[in-house]
N, C-alpha and C. Protein backbone atom coordinates (compact mmCIF):
# COMPACT_ATOMS: atom_id res chain seq x y z
N UNK A 1 -7.53 0.60 48.76
CA UNK A 1 -7.09 0.92 49.77
C UNK A 1 -5.39 0.66 49.68
N UNK A 2 -5.68 2.39 50.17
CA UNK A 2 -4.10 2.10 50.42
C UNK A 2 -3.50 2.49 52.06
N UNK A 3 -2.03 2.57 51.45
CA UNK A 3 -0.90 1.69 53.34
C UNK A 3 0.10 3.12 52.59
N UNK A 4 0.56 3.15 54.27
CA UNK A 4 1.88 4.28 53.35
C UNK A 4 2.66 3.60 54.95
N UNK A 5 4.12 3.99 54.64
CA UNK A 5 6.02 3.88 55.34
C UNK A 5 6.39 4.92 55.94
N UNK A 6 6.78 5.70 56.56
CA UNK A 6 7.37 7.00 56.10
C UNK A 6 8.97 6.52 57.20
N UNK A 7 9.56 6.53 56.52
CA UNK A 7 11.02 6.52 57.83
C UNK A 7 11.53 7.59 56.86
N UNK A 8 13.34 7.95 57.82
CA UNK A 8 14.22 8.38 57.29
C UNK A 8 15.95 7.38 56.75
N UNK A 9 16.85 7.05 55.85
CA UNK A 9 17.77 7.16 55.89
C UNK A 9 18.81 7.54 55.28
N UNK A 10 20.12 7.59 56.03
CA UNK A 10 21.01 7.97 55.31
C UNK A 10 20.79 9.87 55.30
N UNK A 11 21.00 10.34 53.69
CA UNK A 11 20.38 11.29 54.15
C UNK A 11 19.06 11.87 53.54
N UNK A 12 18.33 10.41 53.20
CA UNK A 12 16.36 10.54 52.29
C UNK A 12 15.73 10.52 53.26
N UNK A 13 14.37 10.44 53.10
CA UNK A 13 13.33 11.02 53.49
C UNK A 13 12.44 9.82 52.78
N UNK A 14 11.80 8.95 52.54
CA UNK A 14 11.61 7.43 51.93
C UNK A 14 10.35 7.16 53.10
N UNK A 15 9.20 7.45 51.61
CA UNK A 15 8.00 7.34 51.66
C UNK A 15 7.15 6.51 50.85
N UNK A 16 7.77 5.14 51.54
CA UNK A 16 6.78 3.55 50.62
C UNK A 16 5.81 4.06 50.86
N UNK A 17 4.77 3.65 49.56
CA UNK A 17 3.26 3.22 49.67
C UNK A 17 3.23 2.45 48.80
N UNK A 18 1.49 1.07 49.48
CA UNK A 18 1.07 0.26 48.62
C UNK A 18 0.04 0.18 48.50
N UNK A 19 -0.26 -0.04 47.52
CA UNK A 19 -1.77 0.06 46.95
C UNK A 19 -2.86 -1.13 46.57
N UNK A 20 -4.04 -1.63 47.01
CA UNK A 20 -4.73 -2.85 46.36
C UNK A 20 -4.84 -2.33 45.83
N UNK A 21 -4.96 -3.00 44.45
CA UNK A 21 -5.96 -3.02 42.80
C UNK A 21 -6.72 -3.38 43.22
N UNK A 22 -8.10 -3.39 41.89
CA UNK A 22 -8.91 -4.10 41.48
C UNK A 22 -8.97 -5.36 41.90
N UNK A 23 -7.73 -6.21 41.46
CA UNK A 23 -7.92 -7.73 41.06
C UNK A 23 -7.19 -7.86 41.82
N UNK A 24 -6.98 -7.60 43.24
CA UNK A 24 -6.27 -7.99 44.82
C UNK A 24 -4.61 -7.91 44.26
N UNK A 25 -4.17 -7.18 44.19
CA UNK A 25 -3.13 -7.69 43.79
C UNK A 25 -2.24 -5.94 43.69
N UNK A 26 -1.05 -6.23 44.93
CA UNK A 26 -0.91 -5.49 45.10
C UNK A 26 0.37 -4.72 45.12
N UNK A 27 0.56 -3.79 44.81
CA UNK A 27 1.41 -2.32 43.80
C UNK A 27 2.02 -1.77 45.32
N UNK A 28 3.63 -1.12 44.39
CA UNK A 28 4.12 -0.37 45.96
C UNK A 28 4.76 0.51 44.68
N UNK A 29 4.73 2.15 45.45
CA UNK A 29 5.96 2.37 44.90
C UNK A 29 6.66 3.31 46.01
N UNK A 30 8.28 4.02 45.72
CA UNK A 30 8.67 4.48 47.13
C UNK A 30 8.80 5.81 45.92
N UNK A 31 9.45 6.46 47.62
CA UNK A 31 9.68 8.53 46.55
C UNK A 31 10.75 8.53 48.20
N UNK A 32 11.68 9.11 47.27
CA UNK A 32 12.47 9.80 48.21
C UNK A 32 12.50 10.82 47.79
N UNK A 33 12.81 11.89 49.60
CA UNK A 33 13.69 13.38 49.54
C UNK A 33 14.82 13.88 50.14
N UNK A 34 15.09 14.90 49.65
CA UNK A 34 17.03 14.77 50.59
C UNK A 34 16.48 16.13 51.39
N UNK A 35 16.41 15.22 53.10
CA UNK A 35 16.62 16.34 54.40
C UNK A 35 17.41 17.23 53.89
N UNK A 36 18.57 17.83 52.67
CA UNK A 36 18.60 18.86 53.05
C UNK A 36 17.95 19.82 51.83
N UNK A 37 16.51 19.41 51.58
CA UNK A 37 15.13 19.98 50.53
C UNK A 37 14.84 20.98 51.56
N UNK A 38 14.63 20.39 53.10
CA UNK A 38 13.87 20.29 54.22
C UNK A 38 14.26 21.84 54.70
N UNK A 39 13.75 22.59 54.47
CA UNK A 39 14.27 23.90 55.05
C UNK A 39 13.61 25.17 55.21
N UNK A 40 13.77 25.91 56.19
CA UNK A 40 12.50 26.91 56.12
C UNK A 40 12.56 27.50 55.19
N UNK A 41 13.30 27.77 54.84
CA UNK A 41 13.32 28.74 53.29
C UNK A 41 12.60 28.17 52.12
N UNK A 42 12.92 26.64 51.71
CA UNK A 42 12.48 25.96 50.67
C UNK A 42 10.82 26.18 50.55
N UNK A 43 9.98 26.01 49.59
CA UNK A 43 8.45 25.53 49.77
C UNK A 43 8.56 24.73 48.31
N UNK A 44 9.36 24.63 48.01
CA UNK A 44 9.20 23.40 47.02
C UNK A 44 10.58 22.25 46.74
N UNK A 45 9.51 20.87 47.22
CA UNK A 45 10.70 19.56 47.41
C UNK A 45 10.83 18.94 46.15
N UNK A 46 12.03 18.67 46.28
CA UNK A 46 11.61 17.48 44.71
C UNK A 46 11.91 16.53 45.30
N UNK A 47 11.55 14.85 44.44
CA UNK A 47 10.99 14.17 44.81
C UNK A 47 11.57 13.06 43.92
N UNK A 48 12.10 11.88 43.82
CA UNK A 48 12.52 10.11 42.94
C UNK A 48 11.67 10.15 43.62
N UNK A 49 10.68 9.05 41.97
CA UNK A 49 9.51 7.58 42.69
C UNK A 49 9.90 6.33 42.11
N UNK A 50 10.06 5.00 42.04
CA UNK A 50 10.36 4.92 42.05
C UNK A 50 9.16 3.35 42.14
N UNK A 51 9.56 2.58 41.17
CA UNK A 51 8.15 1.83 41.39
C UNK A 51 8.37 0.23 41.58
N UNK A 52 7.43 -0.78 42.27
CA UNK A 52 7.96 -1.68 42.26
C UNK A 52 7.27 -2.75 41.09
N UNK A 53 8.29 -3.62 39.94
CA UNK A 53 7.45 -4.54 39.01
C UNK A 53 6.72 -5.47 39.43
N UNK A 54 6.89 -5.98 40.66
CA UNK A 54 6.19 -7.87 40.74
C UNK A 54 5.15 -6.67 40.80
N UNK A 55 4.44 -8.15 41.28
CA UNK A 55 2.76 -8.00 41.91
C UNK A 55 3.16 -8.91 43.56
N UNK A 56 2.22 -8.30 44.33
CA UNK A 56 2.55 -8.72 46.10
C UNK A 56 0.97 -9.48 46.52
N UNK A 57 0.77 -10.18 46.81
CA UNK A 57 -1.29 -10.44 46.89
C UNK A 57 -1.02 -10.15 48.56
N UNK A 58 -0.57 -9.76 50.00
CA UNK A 58 -0.77 -9.15 50.84
C UNK A 58 0.17 -8.48 50.79
N UNK A 59 -0.28 -7.24 51.95
CA UNK A 59 -0.31 -6.14 52.23
C UNK A 59 0.92 -5.53 52.74
N UNK A 60 1.58 -7.34 53.88
CA UNK A 60 2.60 -7.10 54.59
C UNK A 60 3.67 -6.99 54.13
N UNK A 61 3.76 -7.73 53.02
CA UNK A 61 4.68 -8.14 52.10
C UNK A 61 5.41 -7.40 50.76
N UNK A 62 4.25 -6.13 50.73
CA UNK A 62 3.82 -5.57 49.40
C UNK A 62 5.22 -4.07 50.73
N UNK A 63 4.74 -4.57 51.58
CA UNK A 63 5.15 -3.24 52.31
C UNK A 63 6.70 -3.08 52.37
N UNK A 64 6.77 -4.81 53.15
CA UNK A 64 8.07 -5.44 53.46
C UNK A 64 8.71 -5.24 52.10
N UNK A 65 8.72 -5.31 50.99
CA UNK A 65 9.47 -4.87 49.54
C UNK A 65 10.26 -4.17 49.51
N UNK A 66 8.74 -2.25 49.37
CA UNK A 66 9.17 -1.72 49.38
C UNK A 66 9.89 -0.35 50.95
N UNK A 67 9.95 -0.91 51.64
CA UNK A 67 10.54 -0.44 52.72
C UNK A 67 12.48 -0.98 52.53
N UNK A 68 12.02 -2.74 51.66
CA UNK A 68 13.82 -3.39 51.71
C UNK A 68 14.09 -1.98 50.18
N UNK A 69 14.01 -2.12 49.82
CA UNK A 69 14.35 -0.55 48.36
C UNK A 69 14.10 0.44 48.47
N UNK A 70 13.67 0.47 49.23
CA UNK A 70 14.28 1.86 49.72
C UNK A 70 14.87 2.03 51.04
N UNK A 71 15.02 1.18 51.30
CA UNK A 71 16.90 1.13 52.58
C UNK A 71 17.81 0.55 51.17
N UNK A 72 17.80 -0.29 50.44
CA UNK A 72 18.95 -0.48 49.26
C UNK A 72 19.69 1.04 48.90
N UNK A 73 18.46 1.50 48.63
CA UNK A 73 18.94 2.72 47.48
C UNK A 73 20.07 4.25 48.37
N UNK A 74 18.74 4.25 49.32
CA UNK A 74 19.01 5.56 49.98
C UNK A 74 20.21 4.90 50.59
N UNK A 75 21.47 3.54 51.41
CA UNK A 75 22.23 3.98 51.93
C UNK A 75 23.05 3.77 50.34
N UNK A 76 23.14 2.98 49.33
CA UNK A 76 24.21 3.42 48.04
C UNK A 76 23.75 4.37 47.40
N UNK A 77 22.98 5.66 47.77
CA UNK A 77 22.83 6.62 46.99
C UNK A 77 21.92 6.47 45.26
N UNK A 78 22.10 5.43 44.55
CA UNK A 78 21.27 5.56 44.17
C UNK A 78 19.72 5.39 44.21
N UNK A 79 19.15 6.32 44.45
CA UNK A 79 17.47 7.37 44.12
C UNK A 79 17.82 7.41 43.34
N UNK A 80 18.49 8.62 42.22
CA UNK A 80 18.33 8.98 40.37
C UNK A 80 17.95 10.28 40.50
N UNK A 81 18.94 11.27 41.76
CA UNK A 81 18.90 12.13 41.26
C UNK A 81 20.04 12.73 40.68
């Protein structure tokens, strides 16, 4: 099972993903894209992905942690570009 959340913060689009593993553990990752890259002229949009190293037991907990990380990184500009 996979769940997604999308939002924009500061100058980034944030894509949060939660994946339920076979052993019932949830994993998460966050992908950032620059809003400025989303223009009519561009067809290739670069992104930067970060994974959360912790394991989670439920969907709400993992998505909350992913969104918290995305907000923090986007607000500080520490997304890896």
